[in-house]
């Protein structure tokens, strides 16, 4: 099974990809996401102004 993920490959470059469905490990839970949003740190990651972000950065749903 695949899920859609958003990747910021480098500042200013964003793409969506289908990736393998994550498998949970022992003592973990898997939560279904129905909706998602962005915050200021996501915009900083896209613009390259967030010093804590390394690339590529992925966001999976």
PDB file of N, CA and C in Angstrom:
ATOM      1  N   UNK A   1       0.838  -1.170   0.000  1.00  0.00           N
ATOM      2  CA  UNK A   1       0.000   0.000   0.000  1.00  0.00           C
ATOM      3  C   UNK A   1       0.890   1.244   0.000  1.00  0.00           C
ATOM      4  N   UNK A   2       0.435   2.284  -0.659  1.00  0.00           N
ATOM      5  CA  UNK A   2       1.201   3.528  -0.759  1.00  0.00           C
ATOM      6  C   UNK A   2       0.427   4.682  -0.130  1.00  0.00           C
ATOM      7  N   UNK A   3       1.162   5.690   0.318  1.00  0.00           N
ATOM      8  CA  UNK A   3       0.584   6.935   0.815  1.00  0.00           C
ATOM      9  C   UNK A   3       1.281   8.083   0.106  1.00  0.00           C
ATOM     10  N   UNK A   4       0.604   9.217   0.036  1.00  0.00           N
ATOM     11  CA  UNK A   4       1.188  10.383  -0.617  1.00  0.00           C
ATOM     12  C   UNK A   4       2.033  11.152   0.394  1.00  0.00           C
ATOM     13  N   UNK A   5       3.211  11.579  -0.029  1.00  0.00           N
ATOM     14  CA  UNK A   5       4.113  12.352   0.824  1.00  0.00           C
ATOM     15  C   UNK A   5       4.568  13.596   0.076  1.00  0.00           C
ATOM     16  N   UNK A   6       4.810  14.647   0.820  1.00  0.00           N
ATOM     17  CA  UNK A   6       5.344  15.885   0.264  1.00  0.00           C
ATOM     18  C   UNK A   6       6.806  15.967   0.664  1.00  0.00           C
ATOM     19  N   UNK A   7       7.656  16.275  -0.301  1.00  0.00           N
ATOM     20  CA  UNK A   7       9.087  16.413  -0.048  1.00  0.00           C
ATOM     21  C   UNK A   7       9.538  17.817  -0.428  1.00  0.00           C
ATOM     22  N   UNK A   8      10.310  18.426   0.456  1.00  0.00           N
ATOM     23  CA  UNK A   8      11.035  19.641   0.101  1.00  0.00           C
ATOM     24  C   UNK A   8      12.456  19.170  -0.167  1.00  0.00           C
ATOM     25  N   UNK A   9      12.825  19.106  -1.441  1.00  0.00           N
ATOM     26  CA  UNK A   9      14.130  18.575  -1.833  1.00  0.00           C
ATOM     27  C   UNK A   9      15.267  19.528  -1.501  1.00  0.00           C
ATOM     28  N   UNK A  10      14.997  20.803  -1.673  1.00  0.00           N
ATOM     29  CA  UNK A  10      15.932  21.871  -1.337  1.00  0.00           C
ATOM     30  C   UNK A  10      15.091  23.132  -1.234  1.00  0.00           C
ATOM     31  N   UNK A  11      15.616  24.209  -0.694  1.00  0.00           N
ATOM     32  CA  UNK A  11      14.807  25.418  -0.578  1.00  0.00           C
ATOM     33  C   UNK A  11      14.174  25.803  -1.920  1.00  0.00           C
ATOM     34  N   UNK A  12      12.863  26.010  -1.889  1.00  0.00           N
ATOM     35  CA  UNK A  12      12.128  26.427  -3.079  1.00  0.00           C
ATOM     36  C   UNK A  12      11.699  25.303  -4.000  1.00  0.00           C
ATOM     37  N   UNK A  13      12.065  24.058  -3.712  1.00  0.00           N
ATOM     38  CA  UNK A  13      11.717  22.923  -4.579  1.00  0.00           C
ATOM     39  C   UNK A  13      10.886  21.913  -3.801  1.00  0.00           C
ATOM     40  N   UNK A  14       9.623  21.766  -4.197  1.00  0.00           N
ATOM     41  CA  UNK A  14       8.695  20.880  -3.501  1.00  0.00           C
ATOM     42  C   UNK A  14       8.077  19.907  -4.501  1.00  0.00           C
ATOM     43  N   UNK A  15       7.802  18.685  -4.054  1.00  0.00           N
ATOM     44  CA  UNK A  15       7.150  17.696  -4.913  1.00  0.00           C
ATOM     45  C   UNK A  15       6.358  16.721  -4.055  1.00  0.00           C
ATOM     46  N   UNK A  16       5.404  16.040  -4.683  1.00  0.00           N
ATOM     47  CA  UNK A  16       4.681  14.965  -4.008  1.00  0.00           C
ATOM     48  C   UNK A  16       5.098  13.642  -4.628  1.00  0.00           C
ATOM     49  N   UNK A  17       5.148  12.614  -3.788  1.00  0.00           N
ATOM     50  CA  UNK A  17       5.501  11.259  -4.234  1.00  0.00           C
ATOM     51  C   UNK A  17       4.632  10.260  -3.493  1.00  0.00           C
ATOM     52  N   UNK A  18       4.440   9.104  -4.111  1.00  0.00           N
ATOM     53  CA  UNK A  18       3.800   7.981  -3.433  1.00  0.00           C
ATOM     54  C   UNK A  18       4.909   7.145  -2.802  1.00  0.00           C
ATOM     55  N   UNK A  19       4.782   6.884  -1.500  1.00  0.00           N
ATOM     56  CA  UNK A  19       5.791   6.123  -0.760  1.00  0.00           C
ATOM     57  C   UNK A  19       5.124   4.936  -0.071  1.00  0.00           C
ATOM     58  N   UNK A  20       5.922   3.971   0.336  1.00  0.00           N
ATOM     59  CA  UNK A  20       5.382   2.801   1.025  1.00  0.00           C
ATOM     60  C   UNK A  20       4.686   3.198   2.320  1.00  0.00           C
ATOM     61  N   UNK A  21       3.585   2.520   2.595  1.00  0.00           N
ATOM     62  CA  UNK A  21       2.820   2.734   3.810  1.00  0.00           C
ATOM     63  C   UNK A  21       3.710   2.432   5.010  1.00  0.00           C
ATOM     64  N   UNK A  22       3.751   3.319   6.001  1.00  0.00           N
ATOM     65  CA  UNK A  22       4.631   3.066   7.149  1.00  0.00           C
ATOM     66  C   UNK A  22       4.182   1.856   7.961  1.00  0.00           C
ATOM     67  N   UNK A  23       5.118   1.058   8.392  1.00  0.00           N
ATOM     68  CA  UNK A  23       4.838  -0.109   9.232  1.00  0.00           C
ATOM     69  C   UNK A  23       5.157   0.247  10.682  1.00  0.00           C
ATOM     70  N   UNK A  24       4.196  -0.003  11.561  1.00  0.00           N
ATOM     71  CA  UNK A  24       4.447   0.310  12.968  1.00  0.00           C
ATOM     72  C   UNK A  24       5.271  -0.794  13.614  1.00  0.00           C
ATOM     73  N   UNK A  25       6.050  -0.386  14.578  1.00  0.00           N
ATOM     74  CA  UNK A  25       6.878  -1.322  15.331  1.00  0.00           C
ATOM     75  C   UNK A  25       6.195  -1.619  16.663  1.00  0.00           C
ATOM     76  N   UNK A  26       6.761  -2.563  17.394  1.00  0.00           N
ATOM     77  CA  UNK A  26       6.223  -2.895  18.707  1.00  0.00           C
ATOM     78  C   UNK A  26       6.218  -1.647  19.586  1.00  0.00           C
ATOM     79  N   UNK A  27       5.166  -1.485  20.364  1.00  0.00           N
ATOM     80  CA  UNK A  27       4.990  -0.338  21.265  1.00  0.00           C
ATOM     81  C   UNK A  27       4.779   0.978  20.527  1.00  0.00           C
ATOM     82  N   UNK A  28       4.384   0.935  19.252  1.00  0.00           N
ATOM     83  CA  UNK A  28       4.062   2.128  18.479  1.00  0.00           C
ATOM     84  C   UNK A  28       2.608   2.050  18.035  1.00  0.00           C
ATOM     85  N   UNK A  29       2.068   3.180  17.665  1.00  0.00           N
ATOM     86  CA  UNK A  29       0.723   3.226  17.089  1.00  0.00           C
ATOM     87  C   UNK A  29       0.813   3.914  15.734  1.00  0.00           C
ATOM     88  N   UNK A  30      -0.131   3.618  14.861  1.00  0.00           N
ATOM     89  CA  UNK A  30      -0.214   4.247  13.548  1.00  0.00           C
ATOM     90  C   UNK A  30      -1.513   5.029  13.515  1.00  0.00           C
ATOM     91  N   UNK A  31      -1.429   6.326  13.260  1.00  0.00           N
ATOM     92  CA  UNK A  31      -2.589   7.207  13.291  1.00  0.00           C
ATOM     93  C   UNK A  31      -2.933   7.638  11.873  1.00  0.00           C
ATOM     94  N   UNK A  32      -4.200   7.480  11.501  1.00  0.00           N
ATOM     95  CA  UNK A  32      -4.665   7.914  10.187  1.00  0.00           C
ATOM     96  C   UNK A  32      -4.898   9.420  10.225  1.00  0.00           C
ATOM     97  N   UNK A  33      -4.340  10.129   9.256  1.00  0.00           N
ATOM     98  CA  UNK A  33      -4.500  11.573   9.153  1.00  0.00           C
ATOM     99  C   UNK A  33      -5.558  11.863   8.094  1.00  0.00           C
ATOM    100  N   UNK A  34      -6.602  12.594   8.471  1.00  0.00           N
ATOM    101  CA  UNK A  34      -7.648  12.965   7.522  1.00  0.00           C
ATOM    102  C   UNK A  34      -7.393  14.332   6.899  1.00  0.00           C
ATOM    103  N   UNK A  35      -6.671  15.187   7.590  1.00  0.00           N
ATOM    104  CA  UNK A  35      -6.379  16.525   7.078  1.00  0.00           C
ATOM    105  C   UNK A  35      -5.063  16.994   7.685  1.00  0.00           C
ATOM    106  N   UNK A  36      -4.416  17.907   7.003  1.00  0.00           N
ATOM    107  CA  UNK A  36      -3.149  18.452   7.493  1.00  0.00           C
ATOM    108  C   UNK A  36      -3.067  19.927   7.111  1.00  0.00           C
ATOM    109  N   UNK A  37      -2.209  20.632   7.766  1.00  0.00           N
ATOM    110  CA  UNK A  37      -2.013  22.044   7.474  1.00  0.00           C
ATOM    111  C   UNK A  37      -0.535  22.377   7.505  1.00  0.00           C
ATOM    112  N   UNK A  38      -0.236  23.643   7.359  1.00  0.00           N
ATOM    113  CA  UNK A  38       1.153  24.085   7.433  1.00  0.00           C
ATOM    114  C   UNK A  38       1.276  25.143   8.518  1.00  0.00           C
ATOM    115  N   UNK A  39       2.474  25.307   9.030  1.00  0.00           N
ATOM    116  CA  UNK A  39       2.733  26.351  10.014  1.00  0.00           C
ATOM    117  C   UNK A  39       3.947  27.157   9.560  1.00  0.00           C
ATOM    118  N   UNK A  40       4.307  28.132  10.332  1.00  0.00           N
ATOM    119  CA  UNK A  40       5.415  29.003   9.965  1.00  0.00           C
ATOM    120  C   UNK A  40       6.729  28.276   9.767  1.00  0.00           C
ATOM    121  N   UNK A  41       6.974  27.227  10.552  1.00  0.00           N
ATOM    122  CA  UNK A  41       8.232  26.490  10.387  1.00  0.00           C
ATOM    123  C   UNK A  41       8.265  25.743   9.056  1.00  0.00           C
ATOM    124  N   UNK A  42       7.083  25.311   8.550  1.00  0.00           N
ATOM    125  CA  UNK A  42       7.031  24.676   7.233  1.00  0.00           C
ATOM    126  C   UNK A  42       7.401  25.679   6.137  1.00  0.00           C
ATOM    127  N   UNK A  43       6.917  26.902   6.270  1.00  0.00           N
ATOM    128  CA  UNK A  43       7.246  27.942   5.289  1.00  0.00           C
ATOM    129  C   UNK A  43       8.731  28.254   5.351  1.00  0.00           C
ATOM    130  N   UNK A  44       9.283  28.311   6.564  1.00  0.00           N
ATOM    131  CA  UNK A  44      10.724  28.521   6.709  1.00  0.00           C
ATOM    132  C   UNK A  44      11.529  27.399   6.085  1.00  0.00           C
ATOM    133  N   UNK A  45      11.042  26.160   6.207  1.00  0.00           N
ATOM    134  CA  UNK A  45      11.717  25.019   5.575  1.00  0.00           C
ATOM    135  C   UNK A  45      11.696  25.170   4.061  1.00  0.00           C
ATOM    136  N   UNK A  46      10.557  25.577   3.505  1.00  0.00           N
ATOM    137  CA  UNK A  46      10.440  25.761   2.059  1.00  0.00           C
ATOM    138  C   UNK A  46      11.342  26.892   1.566  1.00  0.00           C
ATOM    139  N   UNK A  47      11.381  27.981   2.306  1.00  0.00           N
ATOM    140  CA  UNK A  47      12.188  29.138   1.891  1.00  0.00           C
ATOM    141  C   UNK A  47      13.681  28.960   2.173  1.00  0.00           C
ATOM    142  N   UNK A  48      14.022  27.995   3.024  1.00  0.00           N
ATOM    143  CA  UNK A  48      15.427  27.798   3.377  1.00  0.00           C
ATOM    144  C   UNK A  48      15.899  28.686   4.504  1.00  0.00           C
ATOM    145  N   UNK A  49      14.962  29.247   5.276  1.00  0.00           N
ATOM    146  CA  UNK A  49      15.331  30.160   6.360  1.00  0.00           C
ATOM    147  C   UNK A  49      15.289  29.513   7.741  1.00  0.00           C
ATOM    148  N   UNK A  50      14.915  28.238   7.812  1.00  0.00           N
ATOM    149  CA  UNK A  50      14.871  27.530   9.095  1.00  0.00           C
ATOM    150  C   UNK A  50      16.182  26.760   9.267  1.00  0.00           C
ATOM    151  N   UNK A  51      17.057  27.193  10.179  1.00  0.00           N
ATOM    152  CA  UNK A  51      18.366  26.548  10.325  1.00  0.00           C
ATOM    153  C   UNK A  51      18.306  25.125  10.892  1.00  0.00           C
ATOM    154  N   UNK A  52      17.158  24.703  11.403  1.00  0.00           N
ATOM    155  CA  UNK A  52      17.032  23.367  11.985  1.00  0.00           C
ATOM    156  C   UNK A  52      16.642  22.302  10.964  1.00  0.00           C
ATOM    157  N   UNK A  53      16.342  22.695   9.737  1.00  0.00           N
ATOM    158  CA  UNK A  53      15.866  21.763   8.713  1.00  0.00           C
ATOM    159  C   UNK A  53      17.023  21.255   7.869  1.00  0.00           C
ATOM    160  N   UNK A  54      17.032  19.941   7.644  1.00  0.00           N
ATOM    161  CA  UNK A  54      17.962  19.338   6.689  1.00  0.00           C
ATOM    162  C   UNK A  54      17.145  18.812   5.516  1.00  0.00           C
ATOM    163  N   UNK A  55      17.753  18.748   4.366  1.00  0.00           N
ATOM    164  CA  UNK A  55      17.050  18.356   3.139  1.00  0.00           C
ATOM    165  C   UNK A  55      17.576  17.034   2.614  1.00  0.00           C
ATOM    166  N   UNK A  56      16.718  16.235   1.985  1.00  0.00           N
ATOM    167  CA  UNK A  56      15.304  16.494   1.747  1.00  0.00           C
ATOM    168  C   UNK A  56      14.487  16.333   3.022  1.00  0.00           C
ATOM    169  N   UNK A  57      13.430  17.106   3.132  1.00  0.00           N
ATOM    170  CA  UNK A  57      12.493  17.071   4.263  1.00  0.00           C
ATOM    171  C   UNK A  57      11.202  16.453   3.760  1.00  0.00           C
ATOM    172  N   UNK A  58      10.651  15.478   4.487  1.00  0.00           N
ATOM    173  CA  UNK A  58       9.414  14.832   4.028  1.00  0.00           C
ATOM    174  C   UNK A  58       8.286  15.038   5.023  1.00  0.00           C
ATOM    175  N   UNK A  59       7.088  15.099   4.477  1.00  0.00           N
ATOM    176  CA  UNK A  59       5.849  15.179   5.244  1.00  0.00           C
ATOM    177  C   UNK A  59       4.940  14.103   4.686  1.00  0.00           C
ATOM    178  N   UNK A  60       4.614  13.095   5.469  1.00  0.00           N
ATOM    179  CA  UNK A  60       3.785  11.980   4.992  1.00  0.00           C
ATOM    180  C   UNK A  60       2.405  12.056   5.614  1.00  0.00           C
ATOM    181  N   UNK A  61       1.416  11.671   4.809  1.00  0.00           N
ATOM    182  CA  UNK A  61       0.052  11.627   5.342  1.00  0.00           C
ATOM    183  C   UNK A  61      -0.390  10.197   5.534  1.00  0.00           C
TER     184      UNK A  61
END
